[in-house]
C-alpha cells in the first residue's frame, strides 16, 4: 500500500489481480479456541442442569403416583369398614367380630345397621334403639367410627392418615386427611365420610 493511499497495491498475475501483502494464515487463534471452550462448557453445564431437573421431575412423579396408590387402597379399606360398622352388636357402633344374630342380618341390609326394637308396643324393649339414637345425636357413633379407623394398619412409606371430626357441630361426618411426613406433613388428600349406619340415625 502506498503512503497516503487507502487501497492496497494490486499486482497482476496469471490468475488476475491479487493484493500484495503477507500470506493469509489458516487455523484458529488461541482466543477463538478459548471462546469455543467457554461456550462448550456453558452448554454442557446447561444440559446437565436440564437433565437433573427432568430426572427429579420424573422421580417426583413416581413418588406422587405411589402415594396416590396407597391412599386409594386406604380409601377402599375404610369404605369396607364403613359398610361393616354397625349398631346390631353394639348400639353405639362397632365392627362386630362375629355375625349379628337375627333374620336377614347381613352387611348391606337395613336389619344389619339398626338395632332390634323388640316389641313395637313395649317401650321396655327399645333399649338398644334408644341407645343408638343417643349415640347418633351425641357424636358417640362418629367417635367410635374414628376409633375403628385409627385401629387400622398404618400406610407404607411416608403417607400418614388422620381421622378427625369433619365439621364442628357435625355428629356424623369424619374427615380423613392423608399427609406426606417426609415433606412437612403436606396434605395430599382430604375426604369427608360417614359410616353407612349413620344413615339410619333419627
N, C-alpha and C. Protein backbone atom coordinates (compact mmCIF):
# COMPACT_ATOMS: atom_id res chain seq x y z
N UNK A 1 0.86 -1.17 0.00
CA UNK A 1 0.00 0.00 0.00
C UNK A 1 0.90 1.22 0.00
N UNK A 2 0.68 2.15 -0.89
CA UNK A 2 1.49 3.37 -0.95
C UNK A 2 1.05 4.31 0.15
N UNK A 3 2.03 5.13 0.59
CA UNK A 3 1.71 6.10 1.62
C UNK A 3 0.62 7.03 1.12
N UNK A 4 -0.37 7.28 1.96
CA UNK A 4 -1.46 8.19 1.61
C UNK A 4 -2.54 7.54 0.79
N UNK A 5 -2.38 6.27 0.41
CA UNK A 5 -3.40 5.60 -0.40
C UNK A 5 -4.18 4.65 0.50
N UNK A 6 -5.52 4.73 0.46
CA UNK A 6 -6.32 3.85 1.30
C UNK A 6 -6.49 2.47 0.70
N UNK A 7 -6.00 2.24 -0.47
CA UNK A 7 -6.20 0.97 -1.15
C UNK A 7 -4.91 0.20 -1.24
N UNK A 8 -4.98 -1.13 -1.19
CA UNK A 8 -3.75 -1.93 -1.33
C UNK A 8 -3.26 -1.89 -2.77
N UNK A 9 -2.01 -2.12 -2.90
CA UNK A 9 -1.44 -2.19 -4.25
C UNK A 9 -1.76 -3.55 -4.80
N UNK A 10 -2.29 -3.57 -6.00
CA UNK A 10 -2.65 -4.82 -6.65
C UNK A 10 -1.61 -5.15 -7.69
N UNK A 11 -1.31 -6.42 -7.79
CA UNK A 11 -0.32 -6.84 -8.77
C UNK A 11 -0.98 -7.85 -9.70
N UNK A 12 -0.71 -7.69 -10.96
CA UNK A 12 -1.28 -8.59 -11.96
C UNK A 12 -0.54 -9.90 -11.92
N UNK A 13 -1.27 -10.97 -12.06
CA UNK A 13 -0.67 -12.29 -12.16
C UNK A 13 -1.43 -13.05 -13.21
N UNK A 14 -1.02 -14.26 -13.44
CA UNK A 14 -1.69 -15.07 -14.45
C UNK A 14 -3.14 -15.36 -14.08
N UNK A 15 -3.46 -15.26 -12.81
CA UNK A 15 -4.82 -15.57 -12.37
C UNK A 15 -5.65 -14.31 -12.14
N UNK A 16 -5.16 -13.20 -12.38
CA UNK A 16 -5.88 -11.95 -12.18
C UNK A 16 -5.17 -11.09 -11.16
N UNK A 17 -5.83 -10.10 -10.65
CA UNK A 17 -5.24 -9.20 -9.68
C UNK A 17 -5.32 -9.79 -8.28
N UNK A 18 -4.26 -9.61 -7.48
CA UNK A 18 -4.29 -10.03 -6.09
C UNK A 18 -3.54 -9.01 -5.27
N UNK A 19 -3.97 -8.83 -4.01
CA UNK A 19 -3.28 -7.83 -3.19
C UNK A 19 -1.89 -8.30 -2.80
N UNK A 20 -1.02 -7.33 -2.67
CA UNK A 20 0.34 -7.63 -2.23
C UNK A 20 0.36 -7.51 -0.71
N UNK A 21 0.87 -8.45 -0.01
CA UNK A 21 0.94 -8.41 1.44
C UNK A 21 1.30 -9.77 1.97
N UNK A 22 1.32 -9.92 3.29
CA UNK A 22 1.68 -11.21 3.87
C UNK A 22 0.63 -12.25 3.53
N UNK A 23 1.00 -13.49 3.40
CA UNK A 23 0.03 -14.54 3.08
C UNK A 23 -0.99 -14.72 4.21
N UNK A 24 -2.22 -15.09 3.86
CA UNK A 24 -3.28 -15.31 4.86
C UNK A 24 -2.93 -16.51 5.72
N UNK A 25 -3.23 -16.40 7.02
CA UNK A 25 -2.94 -17.52 7.94
C UNK A 25 -4.14 -18.45 7.97
N UNK A 26 -3.92 -19.71 8.31
CA UNK A 26 -5.01 -20.68 8.41
C UNK A 26 -5.07 -21.21 9.84
N UNK A 27 -6.27 -21.82 10.26
CA UNK A 27 -6.43 -22.36 11.61
C UNK A 27 -7.07 -21.34 12.54
N UNK A 28 -7.14 -21.74 13.86
CA UNK A 28 -7.79 -20.90 14.86
C UNK A 28 -6.74 -20.23 15.73
N UNK A 29 -7.10 -19.06 16.19
CA UNK A 29 -6.21 -18.37 17.14
C UNK A 29 -6.51 -18.89 18.54
N UNK A 30 -5.66 -18.62 19.47
CA UNK A 30 -5.83 -19.05 20.85
C UNK A 30 -7.10 -18.47 21.45
N UNK A 31 -7.42 -17.24 21.13
CA UNK A 31 -8.63 -16.59 21.65
C UNK A 31 -9.88 -17.31 21.16
N UNK A 32 -9.88 -17.70 19.89
CA UNK A 32 -11.03 -18.42 19.34
C UNK A 32 -11.20 -19.78 20.02
N UNK A 33 -10.11 -20.47 20.27
CA UNK A 33 -10.18 -21.77 20.94
C UNK A 33 -10.71 -21.61 22.36
N UNK A 34 -10.24 -20.60 23.09
CA UNK A 34 -10.72 -20.36 24.45
C UNK A 34 -12.20 -19.99 24.46
N UNK A 35 -12.61 -19.14 23.52
CA UNK A 35 -14.02 -18.74 23.44
C UNK A 35 -14.89 -19.96 23.16
N UNK A 36 -14.46 -20.81 22.24
CA UNK A 36 -15.22 -22.02 21.92
C UNK A 36 -15.30 -22.94 23.13
N UNK A 37 -14.21 -23.04 23.89
CA UNK A 37 -14.20 -23.88 25.09
C UNK A 37 -15.19 -23.38 26.13
N UNK A 38 -15.23 -22.06 26.32
CA UNK A 38 -16.16 -21.47 27.29
C UNK A 38 -17.61 -21.75 26.88
N UNK A 39 -17.91 -21.57 25.59
CA UNK A 39 -19.26 -21.83 25.09
C UNK A 39 -19.62 -23.30 25.28
N UNK A 40 -18.68 -24.19 25.02
CA UNK A 40 -18.92 -25.62 25.18
C UNK A 40 -19.19 -25.98 26.64
N UNK A 41 -18.39 -25.42 27.56
CA UNK A 41 -18.57 -25.69 28.98
C UNK A 41 -19.94 -25.19 29.45
N UNK A 42 -20.33 -24.00 29.03
CA UNK A 42 -21.63 -23.44 29.41
C UNK A 42 -22.76 -24.31 28.87
N UNK A 43 -22.63 -24.76 27.63
CA UNK A 43 -23.66 -25.62 27.03
C UNK A 43 -23.78 -26.94 27.78
N UNK A 44 -22.63 -27.55 28.12
CA UNK A 44 -22.65 -28.81 28.86
C UNK A 44 -23.26 -28.63 30.25
N UNK A 45 -22.92 -27.52 30.91
CA UNK A 45 -23.48 -27.26 32.24
C UNK A 45 -24.99 -27.09 32.16
N UNK A 46 -25.45 -26.37 31.15
CA UNK A 46 -26.90 -26.18 30.97
C UNK A 46 -27.59 -27.50 30.70
N UNK A 47 -26.98 -28.35 29.87
CA UNK A 47 -27.58 -29.65 29.57
C UNK A 47 -27.63 -30.52 30.82
N UNK A 48 -26.59 -30.46 31.65
CA UNK A 48 -26.56 -31.24 32.89
C UNK A 48 -27.65 -30.78 33.86
N UNK A 49 -27.81 -29.46 33.99
CA UNK A 49 -28.86 -28.93 34.87
C UNK A 49 -30.24 -29.37 34.37
N UNK A 50 -30.46 -29.26 33.06
CA UNK A 50 -31.74 -29.67 32.48
C UNK A 50 -31.99 -31.16 32.72
N UNK A 51 -30.96 -31.98 32.55
CA UNK A 51 -31.10 -33.42 32.77
C UNK A 51 -31.46 -33.72 34.22
N UNK A 52 -30.80 -33.02 35.16
CA UNK A 52 -31.09 -33.22 36.58
C UNK A 52 -32.52 -32.81 36.92
N UNK A 53 -32.97 -31.69 36.36
CA UNK A 53 -34.34 -31.24 36.61
C UNK A 53 -35.36 -32.24 36.08
N UNK A 54 -35.11 -32.76 34.89
CA UNK A 54 -36.01 -33.75 34.30
C UNK A 54 -36.02 -35.02 35.15
N UNK A 55 -34.83 -35.45 35.60
CA UNK A 55 -34.74 -36.66 36.44
C UNK A 55 -35.51 -36.48 37.75
N UNK A 56 -35.36 -35.31 38.38
CA UNK A 56 -36.07 -35.04 39.63
C UNK A 56 -37.57 -35.00 39.40
N UNK A 57 -37.98 -34.41 38.28
CA UNK A 57 -39.40 -34.34 37.96
C UNK A 57 -39.99 -35.73 37.77
N UNK A 58 -39.27 -36.58 37.04
CA UNK A 58 -39.75 -37.95 36.80
C UNK A 58 -39.81 -38.72 38.12
N UNK A 59 -38.78 -38.54 38.96
CA UNK A 59 -38.76 -39.22 40.26
C UNK A 59 -39.91 -38.73 41.14
N UNK A 60 -40.15 -37.40 41.14
CA UNK A 60 -41.25 -36.83 41.92
C UNK A 60 -42.59 -37.35 41.45
N UNK A 61 -42.75 -37.50 40.14
CA UNK A 61 -44.00 -38.03 39.59
C UNK A 61 -44.22 -39.47 40.06
N UNK A 62 -43.15 -40.25 40.08
CA UNK A 62 -43.25 -41.64 40.56
C UNK A 62 -43.64 -41.70 42.03
N UNK A 63 -43.06 -40.83 42.84
CA UNK A 63 -43.38 -40.80 44.28
C UNK A 63 -44.84 -40.43 44.48
N UNK A 64 -45.31 -39.39 43.75
CA UNK A 64 -46.71 -38.98 43.88
C UNK A 64 -47.66 -40.09 43.44
N UNK A 65 -47.29 -40.81 42.39
CA UNK A 65 -48.13 -41.93 41.93
C UNK A 65 -48.21 -43.02 43.00
N UNK A 66 -47.08 -43.32 43.65
CA UNK A 66 -47.07 -44.32 44.73
C UNK A 66 -47.94 -43.86 45.90
N UNK A 67 -47.83 -42.57 46.25
CA UNK A 67 -48.63 -42.05 47.36
C UNK A 67 -50.12 -42.13 47.04
N UNK A 68 -50.49 -41.76 45.83
CA UNK A 68 -51.90 -41.82 45.43
C UNK A 68 -52.42 -43.25 45.43
N UNK A 69 -51.58 -44.20 45.03
CA UNK A 69 -51.98 -45.60 45.04
C UNK A 69 -52.25 -46.07 46.48
N UNK A 70 -51.36 -45.68 47.41
CA UNK A 70 -51.54 -46.05 48.81
C UNK A 70 -52.83 -45.44 49.38
N UNK A 71 -53.09 -44.18 49.03
CA UNK A 71 -54.29 -43.51 49.53
C UNK A 71 -55.54 -44.17 48.97
N UNK A 72 -55.52 -44.50 47.68
CA UNK A 72 -56.68 -45.17 47.06
C UNK A 72 -56.96 -46.51 47.74
N UNK A 73 -55.90 -47.26 48.05
CA UNK A 73 -56.08 -48.54 48.74
C UNK A 73 -56.65 -48.32 50.14
N UNK A 74 -56.20 -47.27 50.81
CA UNK A 74 -56.69 -46.97 52.16
C UNK A 74 -58.17 -46.56 52.12
N UNK A 75 -58.54 -45.78 51.11
CA UNK A 75 -59.95 -45.39 50.97
C UNK A 75 -60.82 -46.63 50.76
N UNK A 76 -60.34 -47.58 49.98
CA UNK A 76 -61.10 -48.82 49.76
C UNK A 76 -61.28 -49.58 51.08
N UNK A 77 -60.22 -49.63 51.91
CA UNK A 77 -60.32 -50.31 53.21
C UNK A 77 -61.34 -49.61 54.12
N UNK A 78 -61.29 -48.28 54.14
CA UNK A 78 -62.20 -47.52 55.01
C UNK A 78 -63.64 -47.62 54.50
N UNK A 79 -63.80 -47.69 53.19
CA UNK A 79 -65.14 -47.88 52.62
C UNK A 79 -65.72 -49.22 53.07
N UNK A 80 -64.87 -50.24 53.10
CA UNK A 80 -65.31 -51.56 53.59
C UNK A 80 -65.67 -51.48 55.07
N UNK A 81 -64.85 -50.76 55.86
CA UNK A 81 -65.16 -50.57 57.28
C UNK A 81 -66.49 -49.86 57.46
N UNK A 82 -66.72 -48.87 56.62
CA UNK A 82 -67.96 -48.09 56.70
C UNK A 82 -69.18 -48.99 56.52
N UNK A 83 -69.06 -49.98 55.66
CA UNK A 83 -70.18 -50.91 55.44
C UNK A 83 -70.34 -51.90 56.59
N UNK A 84 -69.22 -52.30 57.20
CA UNK A 84 -69.27 -53.30 58.27
C UNK A 84 -69.54 -52.69 59.65
N UNK A 85 -69.30 -51.39 59.80
CA UNK A 85 -69.53 -50.69 61.07
C UNK A 85 -71.04 -50.63 61.31
N UNK A 86 -71.49 -51.16 62.44
CA UNK A 86 -72.93 -51.34 62.64
C UNK A 86 -73.31 -51.12 64.10
N UNK A 87 -74.60 -51.07 64.33
CA UNK A 87 -75.11 -50.98 65.71
C UNK A 87 -75.84 -52.24 66.13
N UNK A 88 -75.77 -53.29 65.29
CA UNK A 88 -76.53 -54.51 65.63
C UNK A 88 -75.88 -55.28 66.79
N UNK A 89 -74.57 -55.18 66.95
CA UNK A 89 -73.90 -55.86 68.06
C UNK A 89 -73.71 -54.91 69.24
N UNK A 90 -73.35 -53.68 68.94
CA UNK A 90 -73.18 -52.64 69.96
C UNK A 90 -73.98 -51.43 69.48
N UNK A 91 -75.02 -51.04 70.20
CA UNK A 91 -75.87 -49.96 69.71
C UNK A 91 -75.15 -48.62 69.54
N UNK A 92 -73.94 -48.51 70.10
CA UNK A 92 -73.17 -47.28 69.92
C UNK A 92 -72.19 -47.38 68.75
N UNK A 93 -72.21 -48.51 68.05
CA UNK A 93 -71.41 -48.66 66.84
C UNK A 93 -70.12 -49.42 67.04
N UNK A 94 -69.91 -50.43 66.19
CA UNK A 94 -68.68 -51.22 66.21
C UNK A 94 -68.62 -52.05 64.94
N UNK A 95 -67.48 -52.68 64.72
CA UNK A 95 -67.36 -53.69 63.67
C UNK A 95 -67.37 -55.03 64.40
N UNK A 96 -68.48 -55.76 64.34
CA UNK A 96 -68.59 -56.99 65.13
C UNK A 96 -67.61 -58.06 64.67
N UNK A 97 -67.07 -58.79 65.64
CA UNK A 97 -66.13 -59.87 65.32
C UNK A 97 -66.85 -61.06 64.72
N UNK A 98 -68.11 -61.24 65.09
CA UNK A 98 -68.92 -62.34 64.54
C UNK A 98 -70.20 -61.76 63.97
N UNK A 99 -70.88 -62.54 63.17
CA UNK A 99 -72.11 -62.07 62.54
C UNK A 99 -73.17 -61.76 63.58
N UNK A 100 -73.92 -60.70 63.34
CA UNK A 100 -75.02 -60.37 64.24
C UNK A 100 -76.13 -61.41 64.10
N UNK A 101 -76.83 -61.66 65.19
CA UNK A 101 -77.90 -62.66 65.16
C UNK A 101 -79.19 -62.03 64.65
N UNK A 102 -80.04 -62.86 64.10
CA UNK A 102 -81.33 -62.38 63.63
C UNK A 102 -81.57 -62.79 62.19
N UNK A 103 -82.77 -62.55 61.73
CA UNK A 103 -83.16 -62.89 60.37
C UNK A 103 -82.75 -61.78 59.41
N UNK A 104 -82.18 -62.14 58.28
CA UNK A 104 -81.76 -61.17 57.25
C UNK A 104 -80.79 -60.12 57.78
N UNK A 105 -79.95 -60.52 58.72
CA UNK A 105 -78.97 -59.58 59.27
C UNK A 105 -77.63 -59.85 58.60
N UNK A 106 -77.38 -59.17 57.48
CA UNK A 106 -76.10 -59.26 56.81
C UNK A 106 -75.71 -57.87 56.30
N UNK A 107 -74.43 -57.70 56.07
CA UNK A 107 -73.93 -56.39 55.63
C UNK A 107 -74.70 -55.90 54.43
N UNK A 108 -75.13 -54.65 54.51
CA UNK A 108 -75.87 -54.05 53.41
C UNK A 108 -77.37 -54.08 53.61
N UNK A 109 -77.85 -54.87 54.55
CA UNK A 109 -79.27 -54.99 54.82
C UNK A 109 -79.63 -54.05 55.98
N UNK A 110 -80.80 -53.43 55.92
CA UNK A 110 -81.18 -52.48 56.97
C UNK A 110 -81.23 -53.13 58.35
N UNK A 111 -81.54 -54.42 58.42
CA UNK A 111 -81.56 -55.11 59.72
C UNK A 111 -80.16 -55.19 60.32
N UNK A 112 -79.13 -55.10 59.47
CA UNK A 112 -77.75 -55.16 59.96
C UNK A 112 -77.38 -53.87 60.68
N UNK A 113 -77.90 -52.74 60.20
CA UNK A 113 -77.45 -51.45 60.72
C UNK A 113 -78.24 -50.96 61.93
N UNK A 114 -79.52 -51.15 61.94
CA UNK A 114 -80.34 -50.62 63.03
C UNK A 114 -80.55 -51.69 64.09
N UNK A 115 -80.36 -51.35 65.37
CA UNK A 115 -80.57 -52.36 66.41
C UNK A 115 -82.03 -52.78 66.48
N UNK A 116 -82.23 -53.98 66.94
CA UNK A 116 -83.59 -54.51 67.04
C UNK A 116 -84.40 -53.69 68.04
N UNK A 117 -85.63 -53.42 67.68
CA UNK A 117 -86.52 -52.64 68.54
C UNK A 117 -87.21 -53.53 69.56
N UNK A 118 -87.37 -54.79 69.24
CA UNK A 118 -88.12 -55.67 70.13
C UNK A 118 -89.60 -55.56 69.79
N UNK A 119 -90.40 -55.42 70.81
CA UNK A 119 -91.85 -55.28 70.62
C UNK A 119 -92.18 -53.80 70.41
N UNK A 120 -92.69 -53.43 69.23
CA UNK A 120 -93.00 -52.01 68.98
C UNK A 120 -94.01 -51.44 69.98
N UNK A 121 -94.77 -52.29 70.61
CA UNK A 121 -95.78 -51.82 71.57
C UNK A 121 -95.29 -51.83 73.01
N UNK A 122 -94.02 -52.25 73.21
CA UNK A 122 -93.49 -52.33 74.58
C UNK A 122 -92.19 -51.52 74.65
N UNK A 123 -92.26 -50.32 75.22
CA UNK A 123 -91.11 -49.41 75.26
C UNK A 123 -89.93 -50.00 76.03
N UNK A 124 -90.18 -50.96 76.89
CA UNK A 124 -89.08 -51.55 77.66
C UNK A 124 -88.16 -52.38 76.77
N UNK A 125 -88.59 -52.70 75.56
CA UNK A 125 -87.75 -53.48 74.65
C UNK A 125 -87.01 -52.58 73.64
N UNK A 126 -87.10 -51.29 73.83
CA UNK A 126 -86.47 -50.35 72.88
C UNK A 126 -85.10 -49.88 73.36
N UNK A 127 -84.55 -50.53 74.37
CA UNK A 127 -83.31 -50.04 74.98
C UNK A 127 -82.20 -49.82 73.96
N UNK A 128 -81.92 -50.83 73.14
CA UNK A 128 -80.83 -50.70 72.16
C UNK A 128 -81.13 -49.60 71.14
N UNK A 129 -82.38 -49.52 70.72
CA UNK A 129 -82.76 -48.49 69.74
C UNK A 129 -82.59 -47.10 70.34
N UNK A 130 -82.94 -46.94 71.61
CA UNK A 130 -82.78 -45.64 72.27
C UNK A 130 -81.30 -45.30 72.45
N UNK A 131 -80.50 -46.31 72.81
CA UNK A 131 -79.05 -46.09 72.96
C UNK A 131 -78.44 -45.68 71.63
N UNK A 132 -78.89 -46.32 70.55
CA UNK A 132 -78.41 -45.98 69.20
C UNK A 132 -78.77 -44.53 68.86
N UNK A 133 -80.00 -44.13 69.14
CA UNK A 133 -80.43 -42.76 68.84
C UNK A 133 -79.59 -41.74 69.61
N UNK A 134 -79.29 -42.04 70.86
CA UNK A 134 -78.46 -41.14 71.67
C UNK A 134 -77.04 -41.09 71.13
N UNK A 135 -76.50 -42.24 70.71
CA UNK A 135 -75.15 -42.27 70.13
C UNK A 135 -75.09 -41.44 68.85
N UNK A 136 -76.17 -41.43 68.10
CA UNK A 136 -76.22 -40.63 66.87
C UNK A 136 -76.15 -39.15 67.18
N UNK A 137 -76.99 -38.70 68.11
CA UNK A 137 -77.10 -37.26 68.37
C UNK A 137 -75.94 -36.72 69.20
N UNK A 138 -75.29 -37.57 69.98
CA UNK A 138 -74.19 -37.11 70.84
C UNK A 138 -72.84 -37.12 70.14
N UNK A 139 -72.75 -37.80 68.99
CA UNK A 139 -71.46 -37.91 68.30
C UNK A 139 -70.68 -39.15 68.70
N UNK A 140 -71.24 -39.95 69.62
CA UNK A 140 -70.55 -41.18 70.06
C UNK A 140 -70.38 -42.15 68.91
N UNK A 141 -71.40 -42.26 68.06
CA UNK A 141 -71.32 -43.16 66.91
C UNK A 141 -70.16 -42.74 66.00
N UNK A 142 -70.07 -41.43 65.74
CA UNK A 142 -68.97 -40.90 64.91
C UNK A 142 -67.62 -41.17 65.57
N UNK A 143 -67.52 -40.90 66.86
CA UNK A 143 -66.24 -41.08 67.56
C UNK A 143 -65.81 -42.55 67.56
N UNK A 144 -66.77 -43.46 67.69
CA UNK A 144 -66.43 -44.88 67.65
C UNK A 144 -65.95 -45.29 66.26
N UNK A 145 -66.51 -44.68 65.22
CA UNK A 145 -66.04 -44.95 63.86
C UNK A 145 -64.61 -44.43 63.68
N UNK A 146 -64.32 -43.26 64.24
CA UNK A 146 -62.96 -42.71 64.19
C UNK A 146 -61.98 -43.66 64.89
N UNK A 147 -62.41 -44.22 66.03
CA UNK A 147 -61.55 -45.17 66.76
C UNK A 147 -61.28 -46.41 65.92
N UNK A 148 -62.30 -46.92 65.24
CA UNK A 148 -62.13 -48.10 64.39
C UNK A 148 -61.15 -47.79 63.25
N UNK A 149 -61.28 -46.61 62.65
CA UNK A 149 -60.35 -46.22 61.57
C UNK A 149 -58.93 -46.13 62.12
N UNK A 150 -58.79 -45.54 63.31
CA UNK A 150 -57.47 -45.39 63.91
C UNK A 150 -56.80 -46.72 64.22
N UNK A 151 -57.59 -47.77 64.37
CA UNK A 151 -57.04 -49.09 64.66
C UNK A 151 -56.55 -49.83 63.43
N UNK A 152 -56.72 -49.23 62.26
CA UNK A 152 -56.27 -49.88 61.03
C UNK A 152 -54.77 -49.74 60.87
N UNK A 153 -54.19 -50.59 60.05
CA UNK A 153 -52.75 -50.57 59.84
C UNK A 153 -52.30 -49.24 59.25
N UNK A 154 -51.09 -48.85 59.60
CA UNK A 154 -50.51 -47.64 59.04
C UNK A 154 -50.19 -47.87 57.57
N UNK A 155 -50.17 -46.78 56.82
CA UNK A 155 -49.82 -46.87 55.42
C UNK A 155 -48.32 -47.03 55.28
N UNK A 156 -47.89 -47.61 54.17
CA UNK A 156 -46.45 -47.78 53.91
C UNK A 156 -45.84 -46.43 53.55
N UNK A 157 -44.52 -46.38 53.59
CA UNK A 157 -43.82 -45.16 53.18
C UNK A 157 -44.06 -44.02 54.14
N UNK A 158 -44.11 -42.81 53.60
CA UNK A 158 -44.23 -41.61 54.42
C UNK A 158 -45.64 -41.05 54.45
N UNK A 159 -46.62 -41.81 53.98
CA UNK A 159 -48.00 -41.34 53.97
C UNK A 159 -48.64 -41.69 55.31
N UNK A 160 -49.26 -40.69 55.92
CA UNK A 160 -49.92 -40.91 57.21
C UNK A 160 -51.38 -40.47 57.10
N UNK A 161 -52.28 -41.24 57.73
CA UNK A 161 -53.71 -40.92 57.72
C UNK A 161 -54.13 -40.36 59.06
N UNK A 162 -54.94 -39.30 59.03
CA UNK A 162 -55.52 -38.73 60.24
C UNK A 162 -57.03 -38.79 60.10
N UNK A 163 -57.73 -39.17 61.15
CA UNK A 163 -59.19 -39.20 61.14
C UNK A 163 -59.69 -38.32 62.28
N UNK A 164 -60.49 -37.31 61.94
CA UNK A 164 -60.98 -36.36 62.93
C UNK A 164 -62.43 -36.02 62.64
N UNK A 165 -63.03 -35.27 63.56
CA UNK A 165 -64.38 -34.76 63.32
C UNK A 165 -64.31 -33.82 62.12
N UNK A 166 -65.21 -34.00 61.17
CA UNK A 166 -65.14 -33.25 59.92
C UNK A 166 -65.50 -31.79 60.09
N UNK A 167 -66.62 -31.52 60.68
CA UNK A 167 -67.13 -30.16 60.79
C UNK A 167 -67.60 -29.95 62.22
N UNK A 168 -67.27 -28.80 62.77
CA UNK A 168 -67.73 -28.50 64.13
C UNK A 168 -69.25 -28.60 64.17
N UNK A 169 -69.76 -29.32 65.14
CA UNK A 169 -71.20 -29.48 65.27
C UNK A 169 -71.75 -30.69 64.55
N UNK A 170 -70.97 -31.30 63.66
CA UNK A 170 -71.44 -32.48 62.94
C UNK A 170 -71.29 -33.71 63.84
N UNK A 171 -72.35 -34.49 63.94
CA UNK A 171 -72.30 -35.69 64.78
C UNK A 171 -72.08 -36.95 63.96
N UNK A 172 -71.96 -36.80 62.62
CA UNK A 172 -71.83 -37.99 61.76
C UNK A 172 -70.57 -37.99 60.91
N UNK A 173 -70.18 -36.83 60.39
CA UNK A 173 -69.09 -36.79 59.41
C UNK A 173 -67.72 -36.94 60.05
N UNK A 174 -66.87 -37.68 59.37
CA UNK A 174 -65.48 -37.88 59.76
C UNK A 174 -64.61 -37.33 58.64
N UNK A 175 -63.60 -36.55 58.99
CA UNK A 175 -62.67 -36.02 57.99
C UNK A 175 -61.40 -36.87 57.99
N UNK A 176 -61.10 -37.43 56.84
CA UNK A 176 -59.87 -38.20 56.65
C UNK A 176 -58.87 -37.31 55.92
N UNK A 177 -57.67 -37.23 56.46
CA UNK A 177 -56.61 -36.42 55.85
C UNK A 177 -55.37 -37.28 55.71
N UNK A 178 -54.81 -37.31 54.52
CA UNK A 178 -53.56 -38.03 54.27
C UNK A 178 -52.47 -37.01 54.06
N UNK A 179 -51.35 -37.17 54.78
CA UNK A 179 -50.25 -36.22 54.71
C UNK A 179 -48.95 -36.94 54.34
N UNK A 180 -48.02 -36.16 53.81
CA UNK A 180 -46.69 -36.66 53.46
C UNK A 180 -45.74 -36.27 54.58
N UNK A 181 -45.36 -37.24 55.40
CA UNK A 181 -44.49 -36.96 56.55
C UNK A 181 -43.09 -36.52 56.13
N UNK A 182 -42.67 -36.91 54.94
CA UNK A 182 -41.31 -36.56 54.50
C UNK A 182 -41.26 -35.13 53.96
N UNK A 183 -42.42 -34.47 53.88
CA UNK A 183 -42.47 -33.13 53.30
C UNK A 183 -43.26 -32.20 54.22
N UNK A 184 -42.89 -32.20 55.51
CA UNK A 184 -43.52 -31.28 56.45
C UNK A 184 -45.00 -31.50 56.65
N UNK A 185 -45.45 -32.77 56.57
CA UNK A 185 -46.87 -33.11 56.72
C UNK A 185 -47.75 -32.36 55.72
N UNK A 186 -47.24 -32.23 54.50
CA UNK A 186 -48.02 -31.59 53.42
C UNK A 186 -49.26 -32.44 53.15
N UNK A 187 -50.42 -31.79 53.07
CA UNK A 187 -51.68 -32.50 52.83
C UNK A 187 -51.70 -33.04 51.41
N UNK A 188 -51.92 -34.34 51.28
CA UNK A 188 -52.01 -34.98 49.97
C UNK A 188 -53.45 -35.09 49.50
N UNK A 189 -54.35 -35.41 50.45
CA UNK A 189 -55.76 -35.56 50.09
C UNK A 189 -56.63 -35.47 51.33
N UNK A 190 -57.86 -34.99 51.15
CA UNK A 190 -58.83 -34.95 52.24
C UNK A 190 -60.15 -35.52 51.75
N UNK A 191 -60.86 -36.17 52.66
CA UNK A 191 -62.14 -36.78 52.30
C UNK A 191 -63.04 -36.76 53.52
N UNK A 192 -64.27 -36.26 53.36
CA UNK A 192 -65.26 -36.32 54.43
C UNK A 192 -66.17 -37.52 54.16
N UNK A 193 -66.39 -38.32 55.19
CA UNK A 193 -67.20 -39.52 55.02
C UNK A 193 -67.99 -39.79 56.30
N UNK A 194 -68.87 -40.75 56.23
CA UNK A 194 -69.64 -41.18 57.40
C UNK A 194 -69.92 -42.67 57.23
N UNK A 195 -70.05 -43.39 58.33
CA UNK A 195 -70.38 -44.82 58.19
C UNK A 195 -71.80 -44.97 57.65
N UNK A 196 -72.05 -46.07 56.98
CA UNK A 196 -73.38 -46.32 56.41
C UNK A 196 -74.45 -46.27 57.49
N UNK A 197 -74.13 -46.78 58.67
CA UNK A 197 -75.11 -46.84 59.75
C UNK A 197 -75.62 -45.45 60.14
N UNK A 198 -74.84 -44.40 59.88
CA UNK A 198 -75.27 -43.04 60.22
C UNK A 198 -76.52 -42.65 59.43
N UNK A 199 -76.73 -43.30 58.30
CA UNK A 199 -77.94 -43.03 57.52
C UNK A 199 -79.21 -43.52 58.20
N UNK A 200 -79.07 -44.33 59.23
CA UNK A 200 -80.23 -44.84 59.96
C UNK A 200 -80.46 -44.07 61.26
N UNK A 201 -79.65 -43.02 61.48
CA UNK A 201 -79.85 -42.20 62.67
C UNK A 201 -81.16 -41.42 62.56
N UNK A 202 -81.84 -41.22 63.69
CA UNK A 202 -83.09 -40.46 63.65
C UNK A 202 -82.84 -38.98 63.38
